């Protein structure tokens, strides 16, 4: 059989497409994107009829209700148990406003799964404020993925961290990559060591919301694309 003149490009690192049954947590948070406008909104997974439809809670925002129409193409993402983002493409099948606000979507043909812990990290320079063991400390995130990050702490801040060790809980407060919105993230310190005159901390994120995971993933994908140019 002759080779195709348009070979299919390889999947991005850490991703794979699957025809396995969709297995989504009831009541789980969903991030829905209108593909034509890239407008996104949060919703909740309410159920499904396998191979027929997926049922989400219809947003009550009037502006969103005005733009959602039958057969509109959407991308839906869920944060799944085990540290994975599940994403699929679908269409609006039916909209029910009364008696309950429901959004019926066509059942997806394929499901894409991204294993967060194996996602590539990219370098960055993101000043942050974080809280560790009750102390407020300034630092800089120097690389990040949807699974965690590495940050550096200046020498002048080290006294506040004396005696702190891997396993400590950490809370970040920062603006993500140019956003005007302040973001809080939880994590746990996995590694701590001196790097020249700075303390380097390796942190694994915990209880990451789907919207934040999606923002970090988009940033990582954008940076990887620039590196390949």
C-alpha atoms as a PDB file:
ATOM      1  CA  UNK A   1       0.000   0.000   0.000  1.00  0.00           C
ATOM      2  CA  UNK A   2       1.596   3.349  -1.013  1.00  0.00           C
ATOM      3  CA  UNK A   3       2.475   5.829   1.689  1.00  0.00           C
ATOM      4  CA  UNK A   4       0.118   8.754   2.150  1.00  0.00           C
ATOM      5  CA  UNK A   5       1.280  12.049   0.658  1.00  0.00           C
ATOM      6  CA  UNK A   6      -0.031  13.812   3.764  1.00  0.00           C
ATOM      7  CA  UNK A   7       1.206  11.792   6.737  1.00  0.00           C
ATOM      8  CA  UNK A   8      -0.510  12.452  10.032  1.00  0.00           C
ATOM      9  CA  UNK A   9       1.708  14.503  12.381  1.00  0.00           C
ATOM     10  CA  UNK A  10       2.730  12.856  15.647  1.00  0.00           C
ATOM     11  CA  UNK A  11       0.711  13.658  18.752  1.00  0.00           C
ATOM     12  CA  UNK A  12       2.165  16.311  21.081  1.00  0.00           C
ATOM     13  CA  UNK A  13       4.265  14.990  23.996  1.00  0.00           C
ATOM     14  CA  UNK A  14       2.218  13.499  26.831  1.00  0.00           C
ATOM     15  CA  UNK A  15      -1.011  13.191  24.819  1.00  0.00           C
ATOM     16  CA  UNK A  16      -2.814  10.286  23.252  1.00  0.00           C
ATOM     17  CA  UNK A  17      -6.154   9.915  21.534  1.00  0.00           C
ATOM     18  CA  UNK A  18      -8.389   7.083  22.657  1.00  0.00           C
ATOM     19  CA  UNK A  19     -11.606   5.366  21.634  1.00  0.00           C
ATOM     20  CA  UNK A  20     -12.127   4.061  25.154  1.00  0.00           C
ATOM     21  CA  UNK A  21     -15.503   4.801  26.801  1.00  0.00           C
ATOM     22  CA  UNK A  22     -15.781   8.250  28.300  1.00  0.00           C
ATOM     23  CA  UNK A  23     -15.399   7.960  32.080  1.00  0.00           C
ATOM     24  CA  UNK A  24     -16.173  11.308  33.717  1.00  0.00           C
ATOM     25  CA  UNK A  25     -16.904  12.025  37.402  1.00  0.00           C
ATOM     26  CA  UNK A  26     -20.546  12.903  38.112  1.00  0.00           C
ATOM     27  CA  UNK A  27     -20.703  16.468  39.420  1.00  0.00           C
ATOM     28  CA  UNK A  28     -17.194  17.187  38.160  1.00  0.00           C
ATOM     29  CA  UNK A  29     -16.195  20.590  36.839  1.00  0.00           C
ATOM     30  CA  UNK A  30     -15.987  21.081  33.080  1.00  0.00           C
ATOM     31  CA  UNK A  31     -14.307  23.805  31.055  1.00  0.00           C
ATOM     32  CA  UNK A  32     -16.174  24.404  27.789  1.00  0.00           C
ATOM     33  CA  UNK A  33     -14.804  26.415  24.869  1.00  0.00           C
ATOM     34  CA  UNK A  34     -16.774  27.709  21.888  1.00  0.00           C
ATOM     35  CA  UNK A  35     -14.414  26.805  19.054  1.00  0.00           C
ATOM     36  CA  UNK A  36     -15.442  29.643  16.712  1.00  0.00           C
ATOM     37  CA  UNK A  37     -14.799  32.417  19.260  1.00  0.00           C
ATOM     38  CA  UNK A  38     -12.542  30.646  21.827  1.00  0.00           C
ATOM     39  CA  UNK A  39     -14.864  31.935  24.540  1.00  0.00           C
ATOM     40  CA  UNK A  40     -14.792  29.664  27.584  1.00  0.00           C
ATOM     41  CA  UNK A  41     -17.142  28.998  30.473  1.00  0.00           C
ATOM     42  CA  UNK A  42     -17.361  26.623  33.421  1.00  0.00           C
ATOM     43  CA  UNK A  43     -20.028  23.980  33.715  1.00  0.00           C
ATOM     44  CA  UNK A  44     -20.817  20.782  35.633  1.00  0.00           C
ATOM     45  CA  UNK A  45     -21.054  17.223  34.328  1.00  0.00           C
ATOM     46  CA  UNK A  46     -24.535  15.845  35.097  1.00  0.00           C
ATOM     47  CA  UNK A  47     -24.539  12.550  33.221  1.00  0.00           C
ATOM     48  CA  UNK A  48     -24.563  10.881  29.824  1.00  0.00           C
ATOM     49  CA  UNK A  49     -26.179   8.229  27.673  1.00  0.00           C
ATOM     50  CA  UNK A  50     -23.193   6.368  26.266  1.00  0.00           C
ATOM     51  CA  UNK A  51     -22.811   6.793  22.493  1.00  0.00           C
ATOM     52  CA  UNK A  52     -25.806   9.176  22.499  1.00  0.00           C
ATOM     53  CA  UNK A  53     -25.163  12.391  24.441  1.00  0.00           C
ATOM     54  CA  UNK A  54     -23.270  14.103  27.274  1.00  0.00           C
ATOM     55  CA  UNK A  55     -25.258  16.234  29.719  1.00  0.00           C
ATOM     56  CA  UNK A  56     -23.895  19.438  31.289  1.00  0.00           C
ATOM     57  CA  UNK A  57     -25.442  22.189  33.366  1.00  0.00           C
ATOM     58  CA  UNK A  58     -26.485  25.090  31.129  1.00  0.00           C
ATOM     59  CA  UNK A  59     -24.800  28.387  32.112  1.00  0.00           C
ATOM     60  CA  UNK A  60     -27.178  31.080  33.329  1.00  0.00           C
ATOM     61  CA  UNK A  61     -25.147  33.931  31.841  1.00  0.00           C
ATOM     62  CA  UNK A  62     -27.500  35.647  29.390  1.00  0.00           C
ATOM     63  CA  UNK A  63     -24.713  36.533  26.966  1.00  0.00           C
ATOM     64  CA  UNK A  64     -23.631  32.894  26.780  1.00  0.00           C
ATOM     65  CA  UNK A  65     -27.195  31.701  26.303  1.00  0.00           C
ATOM     66  CA  UNK A  66     -27.551  34.051  23.354  1.00  0.00           C
ATOM     67  CA  UNK A  67     -24.531  32.601  21.516  1.00  0.00           C
ATOM     68  CA  UNK A  68     -25.106  28.879  22.186  1.00  0.00           C
ATOM     69  CA  UNK A  69     -26.993  27.369  19.261  1.00  0.00           C
ATOM     70  CA  UNK A  70     -27.684  23.815  18.029  1.00  0.00           C
ATOM     71  CA  UNK A  71     -24.766  22.166  16.175  1.00  0.00           C
ATOM     72  CA  UNK A  72     -22.309  24.744  17.542  1.00  0.00           C
ATOM     73  CA  UNK A  73     -18.868  23.137  17.857  1.00  0.00           C
ATOM     74  CA  UNK A  74     -17.365  22.984  21.348  1.00  0.00           C
ATOM     75  CA  UNK A  75     -14.262  21.670  23.069  1.00  0.00           C
ATOM     76  CA  UNK A  76     -14.849  20.214  26.542  1.00  0.00           C
ATOM     77  CA  UNK A  77     -12.185  19.451  29.131  1.00  0.00           C
ATOM     78  CA  UNK A  78     -12.388  17.681  32.479  1.00  0.00           C
ATOM     79  CA  UNK A  79      -9.796  17.188  35.190  1.00  0.00           C
ATOM     80  CA  UNK A  80      -9.926  13.459  35.828  1.00  0.00           C
ATOM     81  CA  UNK A  81      -8.917  11.385  38.815  1.00  0.00           C
ATOM     82  CA  UNK A  82      -5.260  10.397  38.707  1.00  0.00           C
ATOM     83  CA  UNK A  83      -3.973  13.757  37.487  1.00  0.00           C
ATOM     84  CA  UNK A  84      -5.219  13.812  33.898  1.00  0.00           C
ATOM     85  CA  UNK A  85      -7.010  16.296  31.688  1.00  0.00           C
ATOM     86  CA  UNK A  86      -9.594  14.661  29.461  1.00  0.00           C
ATOM     87  CA  UNK A  87     -10.622  16.648  26.398  1.00  0.00           C
ATOM     88  CA  UNK A  88     -12.992  16.031  23.518  1.00  0.00           C
ATOM     89  CA  UNK A  89     -14.738  17.865  20.708  1.00  0.00           C
ATOM     90  CA  UNK A  90     -18.504  17.894  20.478  1.00  0.00           C
ATOM     91  CA  UNK A  91     -21.520  19.843  19.251  1.00  0.00           C
ATOM     92  CA  UNK A  92     -24.543  21.363  20.944  1.00  0.00           C
ATOM     93  CA  UNK A  93     -27.349  18.822  20.513  1.00  0.00           C
ATOM     94  CA  UNK A  94     -30.117  20.470  22.531  1.00  0.00           C
ATOM     95  CA  UNK A  95     -30.607  23.355  24.969  1.00  0.00           C
ATOM     96  CA  UNK A  96     -33.184  23.142  27.757  1.00  0.00           C
ATOM     97  CA  UNK A  97     -33.875  26.276  29.801  1.00  0.00           C
ATOM     98  CA  UNK A  98     -36.987  25.090  31.689  1.00  0.00           C
ATOM     99  CA  UNK A  99     -37.746  23.427  34.004  1.00  0.00           C
ATOM    100  CA  UNK A 100     -33.982  22.928  34.492  1.00  0.00           C
ATOM    101  CA  UNK A 101     -31.050  24.564  32.656  1.00  0.00           C
ATOM    102  CA  UNK A 102     -29.471  21.669  30.750  1.00  0.00           C
ATOM    103  CA  UNK A 103     -26.987  21.503  27.885  1.00  0.00           C
ATOM    104  CA  UNK A 104     -27.021  18.324  25.784  1.00  0.00           C
ATOM    105  CA  UNK A 105     -23.904  17.612  23.715  1.00  0.00           C
ATOM    106  CA  UNK A 106     -23.293  14.987  21.062  1.00  0.00           C
ATOM    107  CA  UNK A 107     -21.320  12.030  22.380  1.00  0.00           C
ATOM    108  CA  UNK A 108     -17.644  12.394  21.350  1.00  0.00           C
ATOM    109  CA  UNK A 109     -16.060  10.094  18.807  1.00  0.00           C
ATOM    110  CA  UNK A 110     -12.599  10.408  20.317  1.00  0.00           C
ATOM    111  CA  UNK A 111     -11.202  11.400  23.688  1.00  0.00           C
ATOM    112  CA  UNK A 112      -7.792  12.977  24.225  1.00  0.00           C
ATOM    113  CA  UNK A 113      -6.048  12.371  27.520  1.00  0.00           C
ATOM    114  CA  UNK A 114      -3.128  14.390  28.820  1.00  0.00           C
ATOM    115  CA  UNK A 115      -1.116  12.834  31.645  1.00  0.00           C
ATOM    116  CA  UNK A 116      -0.207  15.839  33.731  1.00  0.00           C
ATOM    117  CA  UNK A 117       2.731  14.374  35.606  1.00  0.00           C
ATOM    118  CA  UNK A 118       4.498  13.581  32.317  1.00  0.00           C
ATOM    119  CA  UNK A 119       3.841  16.935  30.692  1.00  0.00           C
ATOM    120  CA  UNK A 120       6.879  18.875  29.560  1.00  0.00           C
ATOM    121  CA  UNK A 121       8.163  21.776  31.613  1.00  0.00           C
ATOM    122  CA  UNK A 122       9.117  25.104  30.101  1.00  0.00           C
ATOM    123  CA  UNK A 123      11.363  27.847  31.422  1.00  0.00           C
ATOM    124  CA  UNK A 124       9.827  31.111  32.577  1.00  0.00           C
ATOM    125  CA  UNK A 125      10.471  34.016  34.954  1.00  0.00           C
ATOM    126  CA  UNK A 126       7.372  34.547  37.080  1.00  0.00           C
ATOM    127  CA  UNK A 127       7.707  36.549  40.340  1.00  0.00           C
ATOM    128  CA  UNK A 128       5.463  35.149  43.067  1.00  0.00           C
ATOM    129  CA  UNK A 129       4.540  35.474  46.711  1.00  0.00           C
ATOM    130  CA  UNK A 130       4.121  32.205  48.580  1.00  0.00           C
ATOM    131  CA  UNK A 131       3.312  30.983  52.073  1.00  0.00           C
ATOM    132  CA  UNK A 132       5.289  28.148  53.634  1.00  0.00           C
ATOM    133  CA  UNK A 133       4.989  27.088  57.263  1.00  0.00           C
ATOM    134  CA  UNK A 134       3.166  30.302  58.130  1.00  0.00           C
ATOM    135  CA  UNK A 135       5.891  32.493  56.594  1.00  0.00           C
ATOM    136  CA  UNK A 136       5.350  34.897  53.686  1.00  0.00           C
ATOM    137  CA  UNK A 137       8.190  34.626  51.157  1.00  0.00           C
ATOM    138  CA  UNK A 138       9.017  36.158  47.769  1.00  0.00           C
ATOM    139  CA  UNK A 139      10.432  34.035  44.980  1.00  0.00           C
ATOM    140  CA  UNK A 140      10.532  33.412  41.242  1.00  0.00           C
ATOM    141  CA  UNK A 141       9.130  30.450  39.286  1.00  0.00           C
ATOM    142  CA  UNK A 142      11.823  29.440  36.776  1.00  0.00           C
ATOM    143  CA  UNK A 143      10.068  26.501  35.129  1.00  0.00           C
ATOM    144  CA  UNK A 144       6.539  25.149  35.183  1.00  0.00           C
ATOM    145  CA  UNK A 145       4.251  22.385  33.960  1.00  0.00           C
ATOM    146  CA  UNK A 146       0.692  21.442  34.803  1.00  0.00           C
ATOM    147  CA  UNK A 147       2.128  19.013  37.342  1.00  0.00           C
ATOM    148  CA  UNK A 148       4.341  21.404  39.279  1.00  0.00           C
ATOM    149  CA  UNK A 149       7.098  23.995  39.163  1.00  0.00           C
ATOM    150  CA  UNK A 150      10.597  24.894  40.284  1.00  0.00           C
ATOM    151  CA  UNK A 151      11.147  28.166  42.103  1.00  0.00           C
ATOM    152  CA  UNK A 152      14.114  30.103  43.430  1.00  0.00           C
ATOM    153  CA  UNK A 153      14.259  32.054  46.686  1.00  0.00           C
ATOM    154  CA  UNK A 154      16.723  34.923  47.152  1.00  0.00           C
ATOM    155  CA  UNK A 155      19.343  34.735  49.903  1.00  0.00           C
ATOM    156  CA  UNK A 156      17.639  37.500  51.883  1.00  0.00           C
ATOM    157  CA  UNK A 157      14.509  35.355  52.224  1.00  0.00           C
ATOM    158  CA  UNK A 158      16.250  32.205  53.452  1.00  0.00           C
ATOM    159  CA  UNK A 159      15.959  32.938  57.172  1.00  0.00           C
ATOM    160  CA  UNK A 160      12.175  32.617  56.956  1.00  0.00           C
ATOM    161  CA  UNK A 161      12.583  29.120  55.487  1.00  0.00           C
ATOM    162  CA  UNK A 162      15.130  27.791  57.947  1.00  0.00           C
ATOM    163  CA  UNK A 163      14.093  24.357  59.174  1.00  0.00           C
ATOM    164  CA  UNK A 164      11.533  23.856  56.409  1.00  0.00           C
ATOM    165  CA  UNK A 165      11.816  20.522  54.593  1.00  0.00           C
ATOM    166  CA  UNK A 166      10.282  18.530  51.722  1.00  0.00           C
ATOM    167  CA  UNK A 167       6.723  17.521  52.509  1.00  0.00           C
ATOM    168  CA  UNK A 168       5.717  21.014  53.659  1.00  0.00           C
ATOM    169  CA  UNK A 169       2.497  22.471  52.258  1.00  0.00           C
ATOM    170  CA  UNK A 170       2.894  25.601  50.123  1.00  0.00           C
ATOM    171  CA  UNK A 171       0.404  28.178  48.824  1.00  0.00           C
ATOM    172  CA  UNK A 172       1.249  30.445  45.878  1.00  0.00           C
ATOM    173  CA  UNK A 173      -0.173  33.894  45.215  1.00  0.00           C
ATOM    174  CA  UNK A 174       0.669  35.376  41.827  1.00  0.00           C
ATOM    175  CA  UNK A 175      -0.612  36.659  38.509  1.00  0.00           C
ATOM    176  CA  UNK A 176      -0.304  33.994  35.869  1.00  0.00           C
ATOM    177  CA  UNK A 177       1.647  35.058  32.790  1.00  0.00           C
ATOM    178  CA  UNK A 178       0.375  38.588  32.268  1.00  0.00           C
ATOM    179  CA  UNK A 179      -3.129  38.025  33.637  1.00  0.00           C
ATOM    180  CA  UNK A 180      -4.648  40.769  35.789  1.00  0.00           C
ATOM    181  CA  UNK A 181      -6.323  38.209  38.045  1.00  0.00           C
ATOM    182  CA  UNK A 182      -4.595  37.084  41.248  1.00  0.00           C
ATOM    183  CA  UNK A 183      -4.309  33.306  41.416  1.00  0.00           C
ATOM    184  CA  UNK A 184      -3.875  30.992  44.404  1.00  0.00           C
ATOM    185  CA  UNK A 185      -2.380  27.520  44.001  1.00  0.00           C
ATOM    186  CA  UNK A 186      -1.695  24.793  46.529  1.00  0.00           C
ATOM    187  CA  UNK A 187       1.242  22.446  46.409  1.00  0.00           C
ATOM    188  CA  UNK A 188       3.699  20.370  48.374  1.00  0.00           C
ATOM    189  CA  UNK A 189       7.489  20.804  48.467  1.00  0.00           C
ATOM    190  CA  UNK A 190       9.181  17.751  46.945  1.00  0.00           C
ATOM    191  CA  UNK A 191      12.821  18.896  46.879  1.00  0.00           C
ATOM    192  CA  UNK A 192      14.844  21.684  48.498  1.00  0.00           C
ATOM    193  CA  UNK A 193      18.526  22.428  47.868  1.00  0.00           C
ATOM    194  CA  UNK A 194      20.933  25.353  47.576  1.00  0.00           C
ATOM    195  CA  UNK A 195      21.804  26.556  44.084  1.00  0.00           C
ATOM    196  CA  UNK A 196      24.653  29.060  44.390  1.00  0.00           C
ATOM    197  CA  UNK A 197      23.251  31.705  46.773  1.00  0.00           C
ATOM    198  CA  UNK A 198      19.580  30.794  46.214  1.00  0.00           C
ATOM    199  CA  UNK A 199      17.294  28.102  47.570  1.00  0.00           C
ATOM    200  CA  UNK A 200      15.694  25.975  44.830  1.00  0.00           C
ATOM    201  CA  UNK A 201      12.352  24.328  45.624  1.00  0.00           C
ATOM    202  CA  UNK A 202      10.685  21.636  43.545  1.00  0.00           C
ATOM    203  CA  UNK A 203       6.920  21.789  44.040  1.00  0.00           C
ATOM    204  CA  UNK A 204       4.101  19.464  42.969  1.00  0.00           C
ATOM    205  CA  UNK A 205       0.711  21.155  42.535  1.00  0.00           C
ATOM    206  CA  UNK A 206      -2.274  19.787  44.460  1.00  0.00           C
ATOM    207  CA  UNK A 207      -6.028  20.084  43.868  1.00  0.00           C
ATOM    208  CA  UNK A 208      -5.450  21.958  40.610  1.00  0.00           C
ATOM    209  CA  UNK A 209      -8.710  23.263  39.141  1.00  0.00           C
ATOM    210  CA  UNK A 210      -9.437  22.504  35.502  1.00  0.00           C
ATOM    211  CA  UNK A 211      -9.400  26.189  34.509  1.00  0.00           C
ATOM    212  CA  UNK A 212      -5.959  26.748  36.036  1.00  0.00           C
ATOM    213  CA  UNK A 213      -4.603  23.500  34.584  1.00  0.00           C
ATOM    214  CA  UNK A 214      -5.861  24.626  31.184  1.00  0.00           C
ATOM    215  CA  UNK A 215      -4.178  28.049  31.495  1.00  0.00           C
ATOM    216  CA  UNK A 216      -0.847  26.484  32.445  1.00  0.00           C
ATOM    217  CA  UNK A 217      -1.137  23.915  29.663  1.00  0.00           C
ATOM    218  CA  UNK A 218      -1.807  26.645  27.095  1.00  0.00           C
ATOM    219  CA  UNK A 219       1.198  28.619  28.315  1.00  0.00           C
ATOM    220  CA  UNK A 220       3.425  25.530  28.104  1.00  0.00           C
ATOM    221  CA  UNK A 221       2.188  24.677  24.604  1.00  0.00           C
ATOM    222  CA  UNK A 222       2.782  28.268  23.448  1.00  0.00           C
ATOM    223  CA  UNK A 223       6.331  28.299  24.819  1.00  0.00           C
ATOM    224  CA  UNK A 224       7.099  24.923  23.229  1.00  0.00           C
ATOM    225  CA  UNK A 225       5.840  26.216  19.888  1.00  0.00           C
ATOM    226  CA  UNK A 226       8.153  29.254  20.115  1.00  0.00           C
ATOM    227  CA  UNK A 227      11.107  27.015  20.943  1.00  0.00           C
ATOM    228  CA  UNK A 228      10.523  25.018  17.751  1.00  0.00           C
ATOM    229  CA  UNK A 229      10.550  28.087  15.469  1.00  0.00           C
END
